Amino acid sequence: TSYIPITTYGKQAENDAKYLKKGSAVTAEGSIHSWSKPAEKKYGFNFVAHTVHYGKRTAPSANRPASTDATPAEAGNPPAENGDPAPAANDPSGQSSGDWMADYARTEAEMQRQRRA
């Protein structure tokens, strides 16, 4: 099994931290960013997600031990405190502009600010 590191920001990251565990199944849309340190012979990549959909919880089977990595029962984003669906975007306001490129640009700007800090 291969795992791909995923980075999210804002409300999306808050919901991910609350509802996901390491190894949880998700479907994500975003972009891949690669990095390298040739002098150290190190390289890698990170997937920056602008949308994350959670997988369905699966019941334990007789052939498989119960997992502690269960995700919310419903696919998509978990409900907010008031029962409404949680925002899908990862910008600080938690609201999607409906334009993933604009949301992505905000995410990129946030990443640049964090790198400088």
PDB file of N, CA and C in Angstrom:
ATOM      1  N   THR A   1       0.845  -1.179   0.000  1.00  0.00           N
ATOM      2  CA  THR A   1       0.000   0.000   0.000  1.00  0.00           C
ATOM      3  C   THR A   1       0.886   1.235   0.000  1.00  0.00           C
ATOM      4  N   SER A   2       0.543   2.198  -0.813  1.00  0.00           N
ATOM      5  CA  SER A   2       1.267   3.466  -0.852  1.00  0.00           C
ATOM      6  C   SER A   2       0.369   4.571  -0.322  1.00  0.00           C
ATOM      7  N   TYR A   3       0.956   5.468   0.430  1.00  0.00           N
ATOM      8  CA  TYR A   3       0.221   6.605   0.962  1.00  0.00           C
ATOM      9  C   TYR A   3       0.823   7.877   0.402  1.00  0.00           C
ATOM     10  N   ILE A   4      -0.004   8.842   0.091  1.00  0.00           N
ATOM     11  CA  ILE A   4       0.436  10.117  -0.453  1.00  0.00           C
ATOM     12  C   ILE A   4       0.131  11.193   0.582  1.00  0.00           C
ATOM     13  N   PRO A   5       1.136  11.989   0.972  1.00  0.00           N
ATOM     14  CA  PRO A   5       0.867  13.064   1.931  1.00  0.00           C
ATOM     15  C   PRO A   5      -0.019  14.133   1.301  1.00  0.00           C
ATOM     16  N   ILE A   6      -1.016  14.580   2.053  1.00  0.00           N
ATOM     17  CA  ILE A   6      -1.946  15.605   1.574  1.00  0.00           C
ATOM     18  C   ILE A   6      -1.924  16.775   2.553  1.00  0.00           C
ATOM     19  N   THR A   7      -1.879  17.991   2.018  1.00  0.00           N
ATOM     20  CA  THR A   7      -1.912  19.203   2.829  1.00  0.00           C
ATOM     21  C   THR A   7      -3.214  19.942   2.548  1.00  0.00           C
ATOM     22  N   THR A   8      -3.886  20.374   3.618  1.00  0.00           N
ATOM     23  CA  THR A   8      -5.077  21.212   3.492  1.00  0.00           C
ATOM     24  C   THR A   8      -4.919  22.392   4.442  1.00  0.00           C
ATOM     25  N   TYR A   9      -5.746  23.417   4.262  1.00  0.00           N
ATOM     26  CA  TYR A   9      -5.663  24.625   5.077  1.00  0.00           C
ATOM     27  C   TYR A   9      -7.045  25.062   5.535  1.00  0.00           C
ATOM     28  N   GLY A  10      -7.068  25.939   6.534  1.00  0.00           N
ATOM     29  CA  GLY A  10      -8.296  26.576   6.997  1.00  0.00           C
ATOM     30  C   GLY A  10      -9.313  25.598   7.549  1.00  0.00           C
ATOM     31  N   LYS A  11     -10.590  25.868   7.257  1.00  0.00           N
ATOM     32  CA  LYS A  11     -11.685  25.031   7.758  1.00  0.00           C
ATOM     33  C   LYS A  11     -11.561  23.591   7.263  1.00  0.00           C
ATOM     34  N   GLN A  12     -11.094  23.422   6.021  1.00  0.00           N
ATOM     35  CA  GLN A  12     -10.919  22.063   5.497  1.00  0.00           C
ATOM     36  C   GLN A  12      -9.937  21.303   6.379  1.00  0.00           C
ATOM     37  N   ALA A  13      -8.834  21.931   6.749  1.00  0.00           N
ATOM     38  CA  ALA A  13      -7.838  21.281   7.598  1.00  0.00           C
ATOM     39  C   ALA A  13      -8.415  20.975   8.984  1.00  0.00           C
ATOM     40  N   GLU A  14      -9.216  21.896   9.522  1.00  0.00           N
ATOM     41  CA  GLU A  14      -9.839  21.661  10.826  1.00  0.00           C
ATOM     42  C   GLU A  14     -10.754  20.437  10.774  1.00  0.00           C
ATOM     43  N   ASN A  15     -11.583  20.346   9.728  1.00  0.00           N
ATOM     44  CA  ASN A  15     -12.478  19.194   9.586  1.00  0.00           C
ATOM     45  C   ASN A  15     -11.683  17.911   9.372  1.00  0.00           C
ATOM     46  N   ASP A  16     -10.627  17.979   8.572  1.00  0.00           N
ATOM     47  CA  ASP A  16      -9.804  16.795   8.327  1.00  0.00           C
ATOM     48  C   ASP A  16      -9.191  16.293   9.627  1.00  0.00           C
ATOM     49  N   ALA A  17      -8.661  17.212  10.439  1.00  0.00           N
ATOM     50  CA  ALA A  17      -8.050  16.822  11.710  1.00  0.00           C
ATOM     51  C   ALA A  17      -9.078  16.188  12.644  1.00  0.00           C
ATOM     52  N   LYS A  18     -10.300  16.672  12.578  1.00  0.00           N
ATOM     53  CA  LYS A  18     -11.359  16.176  13.464  1.00  0.00           C
ATOM     54  C   LYS A  18     -11.879  14.802  13.037  1.00  0.00           C
ATOM     55  N   TYR A  19     -12.017  14.572  11.731  1.00  0.00           N
ATOM     56  CA  TYR A  19     -12.698  13.379  11.251  1.00  0.00           C
ATOM     57  C   TYR A  19     -11.808  12.303  10.639  1.00  0.00           C
ATOM     58  N   LEU A  20     -10.550  12.617  10.341  1.00  0.00           N
ATOM     59  CA  LEU A  20      -9.691  11.634   9.682  1.00  0.00           C
ATOM     60  C   LEU A  20      -8.586  11.146  10.603  1.00  0.00           C
ATOM     61  N   LYS A  21      -8.139   9.940  10.352  1.00  0.00           N
ATOM     62  CA  LYS A  21      -6.991   9.342  11.035  1.00  0.00           C
ATOM     63  C   LYS A  21      -5.973   8.963   9.973  1.00  0.00           C
ATOM     64  N   LYS A  22      -4.746   8.732  10.377  1.00  0.00           N
ATOM     65  CA  LYS A  22      -3.722   8.299   9.435  1.00  0.00           C
ATOM     66  C   LYS A  22      -4.203   7.037   8.723  1.00  0.00           C
ATOM     67  N   GLY A  23      -4.123   7.045   7.400  1.00  0.00           N
ATOM     68  CA  GLY A  23      -4.544   5.896   6.607  1.00  0.00           C
ATOM     69  C   GLY A  23      -6.004   5.914   6.194  1.00  0.00           C
ATOM     70  N   SER A  24      -6.778   6.933   6.616  1.00  0.00           N
ATOM     71  CA  SER A  24      -8.185   7.024   6.209  1.00  0.00           C
ATOM     72  C   SER A  24      -8.277   7.187   4.697  1.00  0.00           C
ATOM     73  N   ALA A  25      -9.281   6.553   4.105  1.00  0.00           N
ATOM     74  CA  ALA A  25      -9.485   6.657   2.661  1.00  0.00           C
ATOM     75  C   ALA A  25     -10.185   7.967   2.333  1.00  0.00           C
ATOM     76  N   VAL A  26      -9.634   8.709   1.387  1.00  0.00           N
ATOM     77  CA  VAL A  26     -10.242   9.949   0.921  1.00  0.00           C
ATOM     78  C   VAL A  26     -10.090  10.045  -0.592  1.00  0.00           C
ATOM     79  N   THR A  27     -10.907  10.880  -1.185  1.00  0.00           N
ATOM     80  CA  THR A  27     -10.738  11.291  -2.572  1.00  0.00           C
ATOM     81  C   THR A  27     -10.478  12.782  -2.510  1.00  0.00           C
ATOM     82  N   ALA A  28      -9.416  13.236  -3.171  1.00  0.00           N
ATOM     83  CA  ALA A  28      -9.052  14.644  -3.087  1.00  0.00           C
ATOM     84  C   ALA A  28      -8.757  15.217  -4.465  1.00  0.00           C
ATOM     85  N   GLU A  29      -9.053  16.506  -4.611  1.00  0.00           N
ATOM     86  CA  GLU A  29      -8.716  17.247  -5.823  1.00  0.00           C
ATOM     87  C   GLU A  29      -7.745  18.344  -5.423  1.00  0.00           C
ATOM     88  N   GLY A  30      -6.689  18.521  -6.204  1.00  0.00           N
ATOM     89  CA  GLY A  30      -5.711  19.545  -5.886  1.00  0.00           C
ATOM     90  C   GLY A  30      -4.552  19.501  -6.844  1.00  0.00           C
ATOM     91  N   SER A  31      -3.365  19.812  -6.337  1.00  0.00           N
ATOM     92  CA  SER A  31      -2.174  19.824  -7.185  1.00  0.00           C
ATOM     93  C   SER A  31      -0.986  19.234  -6.433  1.00  0.00           C
ATOM     94  N   ILE A  32      -0.049  18.701  -7.205  1.00  0.00           N
ATOM     95  CA  ILE A  32       1.149  18.087  -6.638  1.00  0.00           C
ATOM     96  C   ILE A  32       2.290  19.093  -6.691  1.00  0.00           C
ATOM     97  N   HIS A  33       3.003  19.208  -5.582  1.00  0.00           N
ATOM     98  CA  HIS A  33       4.175  20.070  -5.490  1.00  0.00           C
ATOM     99  C   HIS A  33       5.372  19.187  -5.165  1.00  0.00           C
ATOM    100  N   SER A  34       6.432  19.304  -5.948  1.00  0.00           N
ATOM    101  CA  SER A  34       7.630  18.508  -5.686  1.00  0.00           C
ATOM    102  C   SER A  34       8.714  19.391  -5.080  1.00  0.00           C
ATOM    103  N   TRP A  35       9.638  18.761  -4.374  1.00  0.00           N
ATOM    104  CA  TRP A  35      10.767  19.465  -3.789  1.00  0.00           C
ATOM    105  C   TRP A  35      11.985  18.561  -3.879  1.00  0.00           C
ATOM    106  N   SER A  36      13.151  19.165  -3.830  1.00  0.00           N
ATOM    107  CA  SER A  36      14.375  18.368  -3.845  1.00  0.00           C
ATOM    108  C   SER A  36      15.494  19.121  -3.149  1.00  0.00           C
ATOM    109  N   LYS A  37      16.401  18.349  -2.594  1.00  0.00           N
ATOM    110  CA  LYS A  37      17.632  18.852  -1.986  1.00  0.00           C
ATOM    111  C   LYS A  37      18.761  18.012  -2.580  1.00  0.00           C
ATOM    112  N   PRO A  38      19.232  18.380  -3.781  1.00  0.00           N
ATOM    113  CA  PRO A  38      20.223  17.557  -4.480  1.00  0.00           C
ATOM    114  C   PRO A  38      21.483  17.286  -3.662  1.00  0.00           C
ATOM    115  N   ALA A  39      21.939  18.272  -2.898  1.00  0.00           N
ATOM    116  CA  ALA A  39      23.151  18.075  -2.099  1.00  0.00           C
ATOM    117  C   ALA A  39      22.970  16.960  -1.075  1.00  0.00           C
ATOM    118  N   GLU A  40      21.753  16.775  -0.603  1.00  0.00           N
ATOM    119  CA  GLU A  40      21.461  15.730   0.381  1.00  0.00           C
ATOM    120  C   GLU A  40      20.843  14.494  -0.263  1.00  0.00           C
ATOM    121  N   LYS A  41      20.691  14.527  -1.586  1.00  0.00           N
ATOM    122  CA  LYS A  41      20.064  13.431  -2.332  1.00  0.00           C
ATOM    123  C   LYS A  41      18.680  13.101  -1.774  1.00  0.00           C
ATOM    124  N   LYS A  42      17.931  14.153  -1.472  1.00  0.00           N
ATOM    125  CA  LYS A  42      16.569  13.992  -0.964  1.00  0.00           C
ATOM    126  C   LYS A  42      15.605  14.649  -1.935  1.00  0.00           C
ATOM    127  N   TYR A  43      14.454  14.046  -2.080  1.00  0.00           N
ATOM    128  CA  TYR A  43      13.413  14.612  -2.921  1.00  0.00           C
ATOM    129  C   TYR A  43      12.073  14.085  -2.433  1.00  0.00           C
ATOM    130  N   GLY A  44      11.029  14.728  -2.837  1.00  0.00           N
ATOM    131  CA  GLY A  44       9.700  14.274  -2.447  1.00  0.00           C
ATOM    132  C   GLY A  44       8.631  15.118  -3.096  1.00  0.00           C
ATOM    133  N   PHE A  45       7.421  14.870  -2.681  1.00  0.00           N
ATOM    134  CA  PHE A  45       6.298  15.628  -3.202  1.00  0.00           C
ATOM    135  C   PHE A  45       5.237  15.727  -2.137  1.00  0.00           C
ATOM    136  N   ASN A  46       4.355  16.672  -2.322  1.00  0.00           N
ATOM    137  CA  ASN A  46       3.226  16.862  -1.425  1.00  0.00           C
ATOM    138  C   ASN A  46       2.018  17.223  -2.277  1.00  0.00           C
ATOM    139  N   PHE A  47       0.892  16.693  -1.913  1.00  0.00           N
ATOM    140  CA  PHE A  47      -0.352  16.976  -2.622  1.00  0.00           C
ATOM    141  C   PHE A  47      -1.103  18.033  -1.829  1.00  0.00           C
ATOM    142  N   VAL A  48      -1.359  19.187  -2.435  1.00  0.00           N
ATOM    143  CA  VAL A  48      -2.131  20.250  -1.788  1.00  0.00           C
ATOM    144  C   VAL A  48      -3.561  20.138  -2.292  1.00  0.00           C
ATOM    145  N   ALA A  49      -4.458  19.753  -1.399  1.00  0.00           N
ATOM    146  CA  ALA A  49      -5.856  19.507  -1.775  1.00  0.00           C
ATOM    147  C   ALA A  49      -6.690  20.765  -1.601  1.00  0.00           C
ATOM    148  N   HIS A  50      -7.508  21.064  -2.598  1.00  0.00           N
ATOM    149  CA  HIS A  50      -8.469  22.154  -2.449  1.00  0.00           C
ATOM    150  C   HIS A  50      -9.855  21.601  -2.144  1.00  0.00           C
ATOM    151  N   THR A  51     -10.071  20.303  -2.365  1.00  0.00           N
ATOM    152  CA  THR A  51     -11.324  19.637  -2.011  1.00  0.00           C
ATOM    153  C   THR A  51     -11.002  18.231  -1.519  1.00  0.00           C
ATOM    154  N   VAL A  52     -11.594  17.832  -0.404  1.00  0.00           N
ATOM    155  CA  VAL A  52     -11.400  16.489   0.141  1.00  0.00           C
ATOM    156  C   VAL A  52     -12.770  15.874   0.403  1.00  0.00           C
ATOM    157  N   HIS A  53     -12.976  14.668  -0.097  1.00  0.00           N
ATOM    158  CA  HIS A  53     -14.206  13.917   0.158  1.00  0.00           C
ATOM    159  C   HIS A  53     -13.827  12.699   0.983  1.00  0.00           C
ATOM    160  N   TYR A  54     -14.521  12.499   2.081  1.00  0.00           N
ATOM    161  CA  TYR A  54     -14.216  11.388   2.976  1.00  0.00           C
ATOM    162  C   TYR A  54     -14.854  10.103   2.477  1.00  0.00           C
ATOM    163  N   GLY A  55     -14.164   8.983   2.709  1.00  0.00           N
ATOM    164  CA  GLY A  55     -14.684   7.675   2.330  1.00  0.00           C
ATOM    165  C   GLY A  55     -15.755   7.227   3.297  1.00  0.00           C
ATOM    166  N   LYS A  56     -16.453   6.187   2.912  1.00  0.00           N
ATOM    167  CA  LYS A  56     -17.492   5.636   3.789  1.00  0.00           C
ATOM    168  C   LYS A  56     -16.869   4.714   4.820  1.00  0.00           C
ATOM    169  N   ARG A  57     -17.491   4.677   5.983  1.00  0.00           N
ATOM    170  CA  ARG A  57     -17.055   3.768   7.039  1.00  0.00           C
ATOM    171  C   ARG A  57     -17.395   2.353   6.605  1.00  0.00           C
ATOM    172  N   THR A  58     -16.465   1.444   6.819  1.00  0.00           N
ATOM    173  CA  THR A  58     -16.709   0.050   6.471  1.00  0.00           C
ATOM    174  C   THR A  58     -16.841  -0.760   7.746  1.00  0.00           C
ATOM    175  N   ALA A  59     -17.747  -1.713   7.722  1.00  0.00           N
ATOM    176  CA  ALA A  59     -17.946  -2.582   8.877  1.00  0.00           C
ATOM    177  C   ALA A  59     -16.829  -3.614   8.923  1.00  0.00           C
ATOM    178  N   PRO A  60     -16.365  -3.973  10.121  1.00  0.00           N
ATOM    179  CA  PRO A  60     -15.334  -5.000  10.216  1.00  0.00           C
ATOM    180  C   PRO A  60     -15.855  -6.327   9.669  1.00  0.00           C
ATOM    181  N   SER A  61     -14.987  -7.061   8.987  1.00  0.00           N
ATOM    182  CA  SER A  61     -15.373  -8.374   8.473  1.00  0.00           C
ATOM    183  C   SER A  61     -14.647  -9.448   9.272  1.00  0.00           C
ATOM    184  N   ALA A  62     -15.070 -10.677   9.099  1.00  0.00           N
ATOM    185  CA  ALA A  62     -14.453 -11.787   9.816  1.00  0.00           C
ATOM    186  C   ALA A  62     -13.003 -11.977   9.384  1.00  0.00           C
ATOM    187  N   ASN A  63     -12.673 -11.599   8.151  1.00  0.00           N
ATOM    188  CA  ASN A  63     -11.317 -11.772   7.639  1.00  0.00           C
ATOM    189  C   ASN A  63     -10.394 -10.614   7.970  1.00  0.00           C
ATOM    190  N   ARG A  64     -10.957  -9.538   8.511  1.00  0.00           N
ATOM    191  CA  ARG A  64     -10.168  -8.344   8.742  1.00  0.00           C
ATOM    192  C   ARG A  64     -10.441  -7.842  10.150  1.00  0.00           C
ATOM    193  N   PRO A  65      -9.387  -7.494  10.893  1.00  0.00           N
ATOM    194  CA  PRO A  65      -9.620  -6.969  12.235  1.00  0.00           C
ATOM    195  C   PRO A  65     -10.277  -5.597  12.173  1.00  0.00           C
ATOM    196  N   ALA A  66     -10.969  -5.250  13.243  1.00  0.00           N
ATOM    197  CA  ALA A  66     -11.606  -3.934  13.309  1.00  0.00           C
ATOM    198  C   ALA A  66     -10.539  -2.863  13.254  1.00  0.00           C
ATOM    199  N   SER A  67     -10.828  -1.778  12.574  1.00  0.00           N
ATOM    200  CA  SER A  67      -9.876  -0.686  12.418  1.00  0.00           C
ATOM    201  C   SER A  67     -10.272   0.472  13.311  1.00  0.00           C
ATOM    202  N   THR A  68      -9.273   1.190  13.802  1.00  0.00           N
ATOM    203  CA  THR A  68      -9.548   2.405  14.565  1.00  0.00           C
ATOM    204  C   THR A  68      -9.485   3.620  13.662  1.00  0.00           C
ATOM    205  N   ASP A  69      -9.289   3.387  12.352  1.00  0.00           N
ATOM    206  CA  ASP A  69      -9.168   4.481  11.398  1.00  0.00           C
ATOM    207  C   ASP A  69     -10.479   4.776  10.686  1.00  0.00           C
ATOM    208  N   ALA A  70     -11.613   4.523  11.315  1.00  0.00           N
ATOM    209  CA  ALA A  70     -12.911   4.733  10.669  1.00  0.00           C
ATOM    210  C   ALA A  70     -13.123   6.215  10.390  1.00  0.00           C
ATOM    211  N   THR A  71     -13.798   6.495   9.304  1.00  0.00           N
ATOM    212  CA  THR A  71     -14.117   7.861   8.913  1.00  0.00           C
ATOM    213  C   THR A  71     -15.618   8.055   9.035  1.00  0.00           C
ATOM    214  N   PRO A  72     -16.108   9.287   8.892  1.00  0.00           N
ATOM    215  CA  PRO A  72     -17.553   9.506   9.004  1.00  0.00           C
ATOM    216  C   PRO A  72     -18.342   8.620   8.047  1.00  0.00           C
ATOM    217  N   ALA A  73     -19.535   8.276   8.451  1.00  0.00           N
ATOM    218  CA  ALA A  73     -20.340   7.328   7.679  1.00  0.00           C
ATOM    219  C   ALA A  73     -20.748   7.867   6.319  1.00  0.00           C
ATOM    220  N   GLU A  74     -20.944   9.143   6.213  1.00  0.00           N
ATOM    221  CA  GLU A  74     -21.382   9.701   4.943  1.00  0.00           C
ATOM    222  C   GLU A  74     -20.201  10.236   4.163  1.00  0.00           C
ATOM    223  N   ALA A  75     -20.225  10.021   2.841  1.00  0.00           N
ATOM    224  CA  ALA A  75     -19.183  10.574   1.991  1.00  0.00           C
ATOM    225  C   ALA A  75     -19.349  12.084   1.935  1.00  0.00           C
ATOM    226  N   GLY A  76     -18.297  12.764   1.577  1.00  0.00           N
ATOM    227  CA  GLY A  76     -18.340  14.214   1.497  1.00  0.00           C
ATOM    228  C   GLY A  76     -17.866  14.828   2.790  1.00  0.00           C
ATOM    229  N   ASN A  77     -18.058  16.106   2.920  1.00  0.00           N
ATOM    230  CA  ASN A  77     -17.584  16.793   4.104  1.00  0.00           C
ATOM    231  C   ASN A  77     -18.537  16.568   5.264  1.00  0.00           C
ATOM    232  N   PRO A  78     -17.996  16.478   6.491  1.00  0.00           N
ATOM    233  CA  PRO A  78     -18.838  16.242   7.662  1.00  0.00           C
ATOM    234  C   PRO A  78     -19.712  17.454   7.949  1.00  0.00           C
ATOM    235  N   PRO A  79     -20.805  17.252   8.689  1.00  0.00           N
ATOM    236  CA  PRO A  79     -21.677  18.379   8.991  1.00  0.00           C
ATOM    237  C   PRO A  79     -21.011  19.362   9.940  1.00  0.00           C
ATOM    238  N   ALA A  80     -21.361  20.615   9.816  1.00  0.00           N
ATOM    239  CA  ALA A  80     -20.882  21.633  10.734  1.00  0.00           C
ATOM    240  C   ALA A  80     -21.661  21.500  12.038  1.00  0.00           C
ATOM    241  N   GLU A  81     -21.302  22.319  13.020  1.00  0.00           N
ATOM    242  CA  GLU A  81     -21.955  22.253  14.329  1.00  0.00           C
ATOM    243  C   GLU A  81     -23.471  22.416  14.228  1.00  0.00           C
ATOM    244  N   ASN A  82     -23.954  23.225  13.286  1.00  0.00           N
ATOM    245  CA  ASN A  82     -25.390  23.463  13.171  1.00  0.00           C
ATOM    246  C   ASN A  82     -26.096  22.430  12.300  1.00  0.00           C
ATOM    247  N   GLY A  83     -25.360  21.400  11.832  1.00  0.00           N
ATOM    248  CA  GLY A  83     -25.960  20.352  11.024  1.00  0.00           C
ATOM    249  C   GLY A  83     -25.863  20.594   9.535  1.00  0.00           C
ATOM    250  N   ASP A  84     -25.484  21.820   9.118  1.00  0.00           N
ATOM    251  CA  ASP A  84     -25.293  22.100   7.697  1.00  0.00           C
ATOM    252  C   ASP A  84     -24.017  21.421   7.224  1.00  0.00           C
ATOM    253  N   PRO A  85     -23.918  21.111   5.925  1.00  0.00           N
ATOM    254  CA  PRO A  85     -22.668  20.541   5.431  1.00  0.00           C
ATOM    255  C   PRO A  85     -21.519  21.508   5.672  1.00  0.00           C
ATOM    256  N   ALA A  86     -20.362  20.947   6.019  1.00  0.00           N
ATOM    257  CA  ALA A  86     -19.188  21.785   6.248  1.00  0.00           C
ATOM    258  C   ALA A  86     -18.697  22.356   4.927  1.00  0.00           C
ATOM    259  N   PRO A  87     -18.065  23.510   4.954  1.00  0.00           N
ATOM    260  CA  PRO A  87     -17.540  24.092   3.723  1.00  0.00           C
ATOM    261  C   PRO A  87     -16.485  23.188   3.102  1.00  0.00           C
ATOM    262  N   ALA A  88     -16.441  23.135   1.790  1.00  0.00           N
ATOM    263  CA  ALA A  88     -15.471  22.297   1.100  1.00  0.00           C
ATOM    264  C   ALA A  88     -14.155  23.004   0.879  1.00  0.00           C
ATOM    265  N   ALA A  89     -14.138  24.301   0.895  1.00  0.00           N
ATOM    266  CA  ALA A  89     -12.912  25.037   0.597  1.00  0.00           C
ATOM    267  C   ALA A  89     -12.004  25.078   1.805  1.00  0.00           C
ATOM    268  N   ASN A  90     -10.747  25.415   1.556  1.00  0.00           N
ATOM    269  CA  ASN A  90      -9.786  25.461   2.642  1.00  0.00           C
ATOM    270  C   ASN A  90      -9.248  26.869   2.859  1.00  0.00           C
ATOM    271  N   ASP A  91      -9.976  27.884   2.444  1.00  0.00           N
ATOM    272  CA  ASP A  91      -9.521  29.241   2.700  1.00  0.00           C
ATOM    273  C   ASP A  91      -9.913  29.629   4.120  1.00  0.00           C
ATOM    274  N   PRO A  92      -9.297  30.685   4.677  1.00  0.00           N
ATOM    275  CA  PRO A  92      -9.535  31.026   6.082  1.00  0.00           C
ATOM    276  C   PRO A  92     -10.997  31.232   6.444  1.00  0.00           C
ATOM    277  N   SER A  93     -11.815  31.718   5.526  1.00  0.00           N
ATOM    278  CA  SER A  93     -13.221  31.945   5.847  1.00  0.00           C
ATOM    279  C   SER A  93     -14.016  30.653   5.827  1.00  0.00           C
ATOM    280  N   GLY A  94     -13.438  29.599   5.206  1.00  0.00           N
ATOM    281  CA  GLY A  94     -14.143  28.338   5.095  1.00  0.00           C
ATOM    282  C   GLY A  94     -15.167  28.331   3.981  1.00  0.00           C
ATOM    283  N   GLN A  95     -15.245  29.399   3.198  1.00  0.00           N
ATOM    284  CA  GLN A  95     -16.223  29.484   2.123  1.00  0.00           C
ATOM    285  C   GLN A  95     -15.537  29.341   0.777  1.00  0.00           C
ATOM    286  N   SER A  96     -16.097  28.540  -0.075  1.00  0.00           N
ATOM    287  CA  SER A  96     -15.566  28.371  -1.419  1.00  0.00           C
ATOM    288  C   SER A  96     -16.081  29.489  -2.307  1.00  0.00           C
ATOM    289  N   SER A  97     -15.206  29.974  -3.173  1.00  0.00           N
ATOM    290  CA  SER A  97     -15.632  30.991  -4.125  1.00  0.00           C
ATOM    291  C   SER A  97     -16.381  30.352  -5.281  1.00  0.00           C
ATOM    292  N   GLY A  98     -16.343  29.023  -5.362  1.00  0.00           N
ATOM    293  CA  GLY A  98     -16.924  28.323  -6.492  1.00  0.00           C
ATOM    294  C   GLY A  98     -15.939  28.227  -7.640  1.00  0.00           C
ATOM    295  N   ASP A  99     -14.798  28.873  -7.497  1.00  0.00           N
ATOM    296  CA  ASP A  99     -13.745  28.875  -8.508  1.00  0.00           C
ATOM    297  C   ASP A  99     -12.517  28.223  -7.890  1.00  0.00           C
ATOM    298  N   TRP A 100     -12.251  26.974  -8.238  1.00  0.00           N
ATOM    299  CA  TRP A 100     -11.157  26.260  -7.591  1.00  0.00           C
ATOM    300  C   TRP A 100      -9.813  26.909  -7.869  1.00  0.00           C
ATOM    301  N   MET A 101      -9.655  27.581  -9.013  1.00  0.00           N
ATOM    302  CA  MET A 101      -8.382  28.251  -9.300  1.00  0.00           C
ATOM    303  C   MET A 101      -8.161  29.409  -8.326  1.00  0.00           C
ATOM    304  N   ALA A 102      -9.206  30.158  -8.019  1.00  0.00           N
ATOM    305  CA  ALA A 102      -9.080  31.253  -7.054  1.00  0.00           C
ATOM    306  C   ALA A 102      -8.794  30.689  -5.667  1.00  0.00           C
ATOM    307  N   ASP A 103      -9.483  29.598  -5.303  1.00  0.00           N
ATOM    308  CA  ASP A 103      -9.228  28.953  -4.016  1.00  0.00           C
ATOM    309  C   ASP A 103      -7.795  28.443  -3.954  1.00  0.00           C
ATOM    310  N   TYR A 104      -7.325  27.867  -5.057  1.00  0.00           N
ATOM    311  CA  TYR A 104      -5.958  27.361  -5.126  1.00  0.00           C
ATOM    312  C   TYR A 104      -4.956  28.508  -4.962  1.00  0.00           C
ATOM    313  N   ALA A 105      -5.201  29.633  -5.624  1.00  0.00           N
ATOM    314  CA  ALA A 105      -4.302  30.784  -5.521  1.00  0.00           C
ATOM    315  C   ALA A 105      -4.213  31.266  -4.077  1.00  0.00           C
ATOM    316  N   ARG A 106      -5.346  31.283  -3.361  1.00  0.00           N
ATOM    317  CA  ARG A 106      -5.322  31.665  -1.948  1.00  0.00           C
ATOM    318  C   ARG A 106      -4.512  30.661  -1.137  1.00  0.00           C
ATOM    319  N   THR A 107      -4.651  29.372  -1.447  1.00  0.00           N
ATOM    320  CA  THR A 107      -3.892  28.338  -0.750  1.00  0.00           C
ATOM    321  C   THR A 107      -2.401  28.522  -0.998  1.00  0.00           C
ATOM    322  N   GLU A 108      -2.036  28.786  -2.246  1.00  0.00           N
ATOM    323  CA  GLU A 108      -0.625  29.013  -2.582  1.00  0.00           C
ATOM    324  C   GLU A 108      -0.076  30.219  -1.825  1.00  0.00           C
ATOM    325  N   ALA A 109      -0.844  31.301  -1.762  1.00  0.00           N
ATOM    326  CA  ALA A 109      -0.407  32.493  -1.040  1.00  0.00           C
ATOM    327  C   ALA A 109      -0.210  32.181   0.439  1.00  0.00           C
ATOM    328  N   GLU A 110      -1.115  31.400   1.019  1.00  0.00           N
ATOM    329  CA  GLU A 110      -0.997  31.003   2.422  1.00  0.00           C
ATOM    330  C   GLU A 110       0.250  30.152   2.637  1.00  0.00           C
ATOM    331  N   MET A 111       0.537  29.245   1.718  1.00  0.00           N
ATOM    332  CA  MET A 111       1.742  28.414   1.828  1.00  0.00           C
ATOM    333  C   MET A 111       2.997  29.283   1.791  1.00  0.00           C
ATOM    334  N   GLN A 112       3.022  30.274   0.917  1.00  0.00           N
ATOM    335  CA  GLN A 112       4.175  31.176   0.831  1.00  0.00           C
ATOM    336  C   GLN A 112       4.357  31.936   2.141  1.00  0.00           C
ATOM    337  N   ARG A 113       3.256  32.427   2.730  1.00  0.00           N
ATOM    338  CA  ARG A 113       3.347  33.133   4.015  1.00  0.00           C
ATOM    339  C   ARG A 113       3.890  32.212   5.097  1.00  0.00           C
ATOM    340  N   GLN A 114       3.447  30.962   5.123  1.00  0.00           N
ATOM    341  CA  GLN A 114       3.910  30.022   6.139  1.00  0.00           C
ATOM    342  C   GLN A 114       5.380  29.680   5.957  1.00  0.00           C
ATOM    343  N   ARG A 115       5.840  29.588   4.723  1.00  0.00           N
ATOM    344  CA  ARG A 115       7.256  29.295   4.472  1.00  0.00           C
ATOM    345  C   ARG A 115       8.144  30.435   4.954  1.00  0.00           C
ATOM    346  N   ARG A 116       7.669  31.668   4.808  1.00  0.00           N
ATOM    347  CA  ARG A 116       8.460  32.830   5.236  1.00  0.00           C
ATOM    348  C   ARG A 116       8.474  32.975   6.752  1.00  0.00           C
ATOM    349  N   ALA A 117       7.471  32.452   7.425  1.00  0.00           N
ATOM    350  CA  ALA A 117       7.362  32.610   8.888  1.00  0.00           C
ATOM    351  C   ALA A 117       8.358  31.742   9.631  1.00  0.00           C
TER     352      ALA A 117
END
